[in-house]
């Protein structure tokens, strides 16, 4: 199973029914009042006109309805994130911050469309260098909105450390992913290998989790949720419910939490 969300930019937007129910109201650059209906409308149109000339003609809409509200959300979420863990960053920098670039990296992809048709916001660990670091993630796309937490496509050394952490403390791992609050919101997703990884016994009590190559938890949210100013609080509650999971992963990677 492929992890959802961290590379959804290439997919076509869907959900025309949802667009009919969107509410009015635009957040300002400094105050988050909910994501505007125009954000999802822009993404729908971008999916139909994913070429540079159209984007340049409509870049002002991206800046006003997508980038501006996303940066306002990041700023509003910063104090909530600090309560969950002080080691994760909510950065509103235009380059290298929590808002992922809308420009796709097409160098190694058969899909040469230049722009992502979703909004991706990642609150990564302060010691992480890129999207593969431990992080919390918000994904907004017409027809598919969700949250994610964990480590996506870790490098070889990080993957080995995560697996060893589970192998050494299976009780702690089970406790982290079986809590009532976590189970109520989150589902483990991501890729896995077919055979037990080298060095791990096939009868290990957590063998299915040791086979994972992603350690990602996903929680679905409704598009309508994103319209509300209270979306900040909703996301904060969900990420707080994932704290034991994230703390286990950080401990396995010897990162502070």
Protein backbone atom coordinates (compact mmCIF):
# COMPACT_ATOMS: atom_id res chain seq x y z
CA UNK A 1 0.00 0.00 0.00
CA UNK A 2 1.38 3.40 -0.97
CA UNK A 3 1.43 6.19 1.62
CA UNK A 4 -1.07 8.89 0.91
CA UNK A 5 -0.31 12.52 0.85
CA UNK A 6 3.36 13.30 0.57
CA UNK A 7 3.43 12.95 -3.22
CA UNK A 8 -0.20 13.54 -4.18
CA UNK A 9 0.59 16.58 -6.34
CA UNK A 10 0.47 14.61 -9.60
CA UNK A 11 -3.11 13.41 -9.14
CA UNK A 12 -6.11 15.01 -10.80
CA UNK A 13 -8.50 16.83 -8.49
CA UNK A 14 -11.95 15.38 -7.83
CA UNK A 15 -15.06 16.13 -5.85
CA UNK A 16 -17.24 18.52 -7.82
CA UNK A 17 -20.07 17.90 -5.36
CA UNK A 18 -17.94 19.21 -2.52
CA UNK A 19 -17.28 22.44 -4.39
CA UNK A 20 -21.01 23.20 -4.44
CA UNK A 21 -21.15 23.17 -0.64
CA UNK A 22 -18.18 25.41 0.07
CA UNK A 23 -18.72 28.39 2.29
CA UNK A 24 -17.68 31.95 1.66
CA UNK A 25 -15.13 33.92 3.63
CA UNK A 26 -11.45 34.62 3.18
CA UNK A 27 -8.75 34.66 5.85
CA UNK A 28 -6.34 37.54 5.97
CA UNK A 29 -2.56 37.17 5.75
CA UNK A 30 -2.20 37.46 9.51
CA UNK A 31 -5.40 35.92 10.88
CA UNK A 32 -6.59 32.42 10.09
CA UNK A 33 -10.32 32.40 9.53
CA UNK A 34 -10.50 29.05 7.76
CA UNK A 35 -9.31 28.08 4.31
CA UNK A 36 -11.37 29.82 1.61
CA UNK A 37 -13.57 28.16 -0.98
CA UNK A 38 -11.40 29.87 -3.58
CA UNK A 39 -8.42 27.70 -2.58
CA UNK A 40 -10.17 24.52 -3.67
CA UNK A 41 -11.61 26.18 -6.76
CA UNK A 42 -8.14 27.30 -7.79
CA UNK A 43 -6.75 23.78 -7.33
CA UNK A 44 -9.57 22.31 -9.41
CA UNK A 45 -8.85 24.73 -12.23
CA UNK A 46 -5.11 24.12 -11.95
CA UNK A 47 -5.74 20.39 -12.42
CA UNK A 48 -7.47 21.22 -15.72
CA UNK A 49 -4.86 23.79 -16.82
CA UNK A 50 -1.59 22.47 -15.44
CA UNK A 51 0.74 24.49 -17.62
CA UNK A 52 3.05 27.41 -17.01
CA UNK A 53 1.21 30.14 -19.01
CA UNK A 54 -2.08 29.52 -17.16
CA UNK A 55 -0.38 29.51 -13.78
CA UNK A 56 1.48 32.74 -14.46
CA UNK A 57 -1.77 34.42 -15.47
CA UNK A 58 -3.40 33.20 -12.27
CA UNK A 59 -0.46 33.43 -9.88
CA UNK A 60 -2.12 36.28 -8.00
CA UNK A 61 -4.97 33.88 -7.14
CA UNK A 62 -2.47 31.33 -5.85
CA UNK A 63 -0.82 33.95 -3.66
CA UNK A 64 -4.13 35.33 -2.33
CA UNK A 65 -6.21 32.19 -1.90
CA UNK A 66 -3.63 29.44 -1.39
CA UNK A 67 -0.29 30.69 -0.13
CA UNK A 68 -1.67 33.50 2.04
CA UNK A 69 -4.20 31.37 3.96
CA UNK A 70 -1.72 28.49 4.27
CA UNK A 71 0.88 30.78 5.84
CA UNK A 72 -1.79 32.20 8.16
CA UNK A 73 -2.67 28.64 9.21
CA UNK A 74 0.99 27.88 9.90
CA UNK A 75 1.35 30.97 12.08
CA UNK A 76 -1.87 30.19 13.94
CA UNK A 77 -0.81 26.58 14.49
CA UNK A 78 2.62 27.44 15.89
CA UNK A 79 1.60 27.72 19.58
CA UNK A 80 -0.44 24.50 19.32
CA UNK A 81 2.53 22.65 17.87
CA UNK A 82 4.77 23.91 20.66
CA UNK A 83 2.45 22.28 23.20
CA UNK A 84 2.74 18.93 21.39
CA UNK A 85 6.52 19.10 21.04
CA UNK A 86 8.94 22.00 21.03
CA UNK A 87 11.20 20.16 18.59
CA UNK A 88 8.93 20.48 15.54
CA UNK A 89 8.87 23.61 13.41
CA UNK A 90 5.99 25.72 12.13
CA UNK A 91 7.83 28.00 9.73
CA UNK A 92 6.11 30.58 7.55
CA UNK A 93 9.19 31.21 5.42
CA UNK A 94 8.32 31.43 1.74
CA UNK A 95 11.21 29.14 0.81
CA UNK A 96 12.17 26.16 2.92
CA UNK A 97 9.32 26.62 5.39
CA UNK A 98 6.40 24.40 6.36
CA UNK A 99 4.41 25.14 3.20
CA UNK A 100 5.64 22.76 0.52
CA UNK A 101 6.43 24.17 -2.91
CA UNK A 102 3.68 24.07 -5.51
CA UNK A 103 6.29 23.39 -8.17
CA UNK A 104 6.78 19.70 -8.94
CA UNK A 105 10.20 18.11 -9.37
CA UNK A 106 9.81 16.53 -12.80
CA UNK A 107 13.42 15.49 -13.37
CA UNK A 108 12.85 11.81 -12.68
CA UNK A 109 9.13 11.56 -13.35
CA UNK A 110 7.19 10.56 -16.43
CA UNK A 111 4.56 13.08 -15.39
CA UNK A 112 5.90 16.42 -16.59
CA UNK A 113 3.05 18.60 -15.38
CA UNK A 114 4.80 21.47 -13.59
CA UNK A 115 2.50 22.10 -10.59
CA UNK A 116 1.06 20.17 -7.69
CA UNK A 117 -2.71 20.27 -7.44
CA UNK A 118 -2.82 20.07 -3.65
CA UNK A 119 -1.65 22.06 -0.66
CA UNK A 120 0.92 20.29 1.49
CA UNK A 121 2.02 21.62 4.88
CA UNK A 122 4.69 19.74 6.83
CA UNK A 123 5.76 20.50 10.38
CA UNK A 124 9.05 18.61 10.43
CA UNK A 125 11.49 17.89 13.22
CA UNK A 126 14.01 20.68 13.75
CA UNK A 127 16.90 18.27 13.05
CA UNK A 128 15.37 17.03 9.81
CA UNK A 129 16.62 18.28 6.47
CA UNK A 130 13.75 17.37 4.14
CA UNK A 131 10.31 15.82 3.80
CA UNK A 132 11.67 12.41 4.82
CA UNK A 133 12.27 13.62 8.37
CA UNK A 134 9.77 12.86 11.15
CA UNK A 135 6.90 15.26 10.81
CA UNK A 136 3.23 16.17 11.01
CA UNK A 137 1.49 16.83 7.70
CA UNK A 138 -1.69 18.56 6.44
CA UNK A 139 -2.98 17.71 2.95
CA UNK A 140 -5.69 19.75 1.22
CA UNK A 141 -6.96 18.64 -2.16
CA UNK A 142 -10.42 18.79 -3.75
CA UNK A 143 -12.06 15.51 -2.86
CA UNK A 144 -9.29 14.33 -0.53
CA UNK A 145 -8.18 16.07 2.63
CA UNK A 146 -6.28 14.34 5.41
CA UNK A 147 -3.61 14.58 8.08
CA UNK A 148 -0.51 12.44 8.41
CA UNK A 149 2.17 11.86 11.00
CA UNK A 150 5.35 9.83 11.01
CA UNK A 151 8.33 9.14 8.77
CA UNK A 152 7.82 8.78 5.02
CA UNK A 153 10.37 6.83 2.98
CA UNK A 154 13.18 6.94 5.55
CA UNK A 155 16.72 6.40 4.30
CA UNK A 156 18.40 3.03 4.88
CA UNK A 157 19.99 3.90 8.21
CA UNK A 158 16.84 5.53 9.57
CA UNK A 159 14.70 2.60 8.45
CA UNK A 160 17.07 0.19 10.19
CA UNK A 161 16.90 2.26 13.38
CA UNK A 162 13.09 2.36 13.33
CA UNK A 163 12.87 -1.39 12.85
CA UNK A 164 15.40 -2.01 15.60
CA UNK A 165 13.46 0.24 17.93
CA UNK A 166 10.32 -1.84 17.36
CA UNK A 167 12.22 -5.12 17.68
CA UNK A 168 13.80 -4.02 20.96
CA UNK A 169 10.59 -2.67 22.49
CA UNK A 170 7.56 -4.43 20.98
CA UNK A 171 5.45 -3.67 24.04
CA UNK A 172 6.20 0.05 23.78
CA UNK A 173 5.42 0.01 20.06
CA UNK A 174 2.10 -1.75 20.55
CA UNK A 175 1.24 0.73 23.29
CA UNK A 176 2.05 3.66 20.99
CA UNK A 177 -0.23 2.50 18.17
CA UNK A 178 -3.05 0.90 20.13
CA UNK A 179 -4.08 3.74 22.43
CA UNK A 180 -7.76 4.66 22.38
CA UNK A 181 -7.23 8.22 21.10
CA UNK A 182 -4.80 7.09 18.42
CA UNK A 183 -7.04 4.26 17.23
CA UNK A 184 -10.05 6.56 17.06
CA UNK A 185 -8.42 8.84 14.49
CA UNK A 186 -5.36 7.28 12.93
CA UNK A 187 -4.61 4.37 10.59
CA UNK A 188 -1.13 3.07 9.79
CA UNK A 189 -0.43 3.18 6.06
CA UNK A 190 2.56 2.97 3.74
CA UNK A 191 4.65 0.52 1.77
CA UNK A 192 6.04 -2.75 3.10
CA UNK A 193 8.27 -5.58 1.92
CA UNK A 194 6.96 -9.10 1.43
CA UNK A 195 9.59 -10.99 3.41
CA UNK A 196 10.92 -10.39 6.92
CA UNK A 197 13.84 -7.92 6.77
CA UNK A 198 17.27 -9.44 7.17
CA UNK A 199 18.21 -9.95 10.80
CA UNK A 200 14.65 -10.12 12.14
CA UNK A 201 12.98 -13.44 12.96
CA UNK A 202 9.79 -14.22 11.01
CA UNK A 203 8.01 -15.12 14.25
CA UNK A 204 8.65 -11.74 15.90
CA UNK A 205 5.38 -10.48 17.45
CA UNK A 206 5.65 -7.24 15.42
CA UNK A 207 6.84 -8.82 12.18
CA UNK A 208 4.15 -7.10 10.08
CA UNK A 209 5.31 -3.70 11.36
CA UNK A 210 8.98 -4.64 10.90
CA UNK A 211 8.22 -5.21 7.22
CA UNK A 212 7.15 -1.61 6.80
CA UNK A 213 9.24 0.77 4.72
CA UNK A 214 7.09 3.76 5.75
CA UNK A 215 5.99 4.57 9.27
CA UNK A 216 3.04 6.80 8.49
CA UNK A 217 -0.29 7.27 10.24
CA UNK A 218 -3.16 8.92 8.34
CA UNK A 219 -6.34 10.58 9.61
CA UNK A 220 -9.05 11.64 7.19
CA UNK A 221 -10.69 15.05 7.51
CA UNK A 222 -13.54 16.61 5.57
CA UNK A 223 -13.02 19.43 3.13
CA UNK A 224 -15.71 21.38 4.95
CA UNK A 225 -13.64 21.14 8.15
CA UNK A 226 -10.93 23.23 6.53
CA UNK A 227 -13.32 26.15 5.99
CA UNK A 228 -13.70 26.75 9.71
CA UNK A 229 -11.37 28.83 11.91
CA UNK A 230 -11.60 25.92 14.37
CA UNK A 231 -9.71 23.74 11.91
CA UNK A 232 -6.54 24.78 13.76
CA UNK A 233 -7.90 23.26 16.97
CA UNK A 234 -9.11 20.13 15.17
CA UNK A 235 -5.68 19.50 13.68
CA UNK A 236 -4.03 20.16 17.04
CA UNK A 237 -6.23 17.58 18.76
CA UNK A 238 -5.49 15.00 16.09
CA UNK A 239 -1.73 15.55 16.23
CA UNK A 240 -1.82 15.43 20.02
CA UNK A 241 -3.48 12.02 19.78
CA UNK A 242 -0.49 10.89 17.69
CA UNK A 243 2.08 11.99 20.29
CA UNK A 244 2.92 8.47 21.61
CA UNK A 245 3.44 7.26 18.04
CA UNK A 246 5.66 10.19 17.14
CA UNK A 247 7.59 9.97 20.40
CA UNK A 248 8.34 6.29 19.78
CA UNK A 249 9.64 7.06 16.28
CA UNK A 250 11.80 9.94 17.52
CA UNK A 251 13.21 7.79 20.34
CA UNK A 252 14.10 5.07 17.84
CA UNK A 253 15.92 7.66 15.72
CA UNK A 254 17.57 9.15 18.81
CA UNK A 255 15.88 12.48 18.23
CA UNK A 256 14.54 14.63 21.07
CA UNK A 257 10.80 14.82 21.49
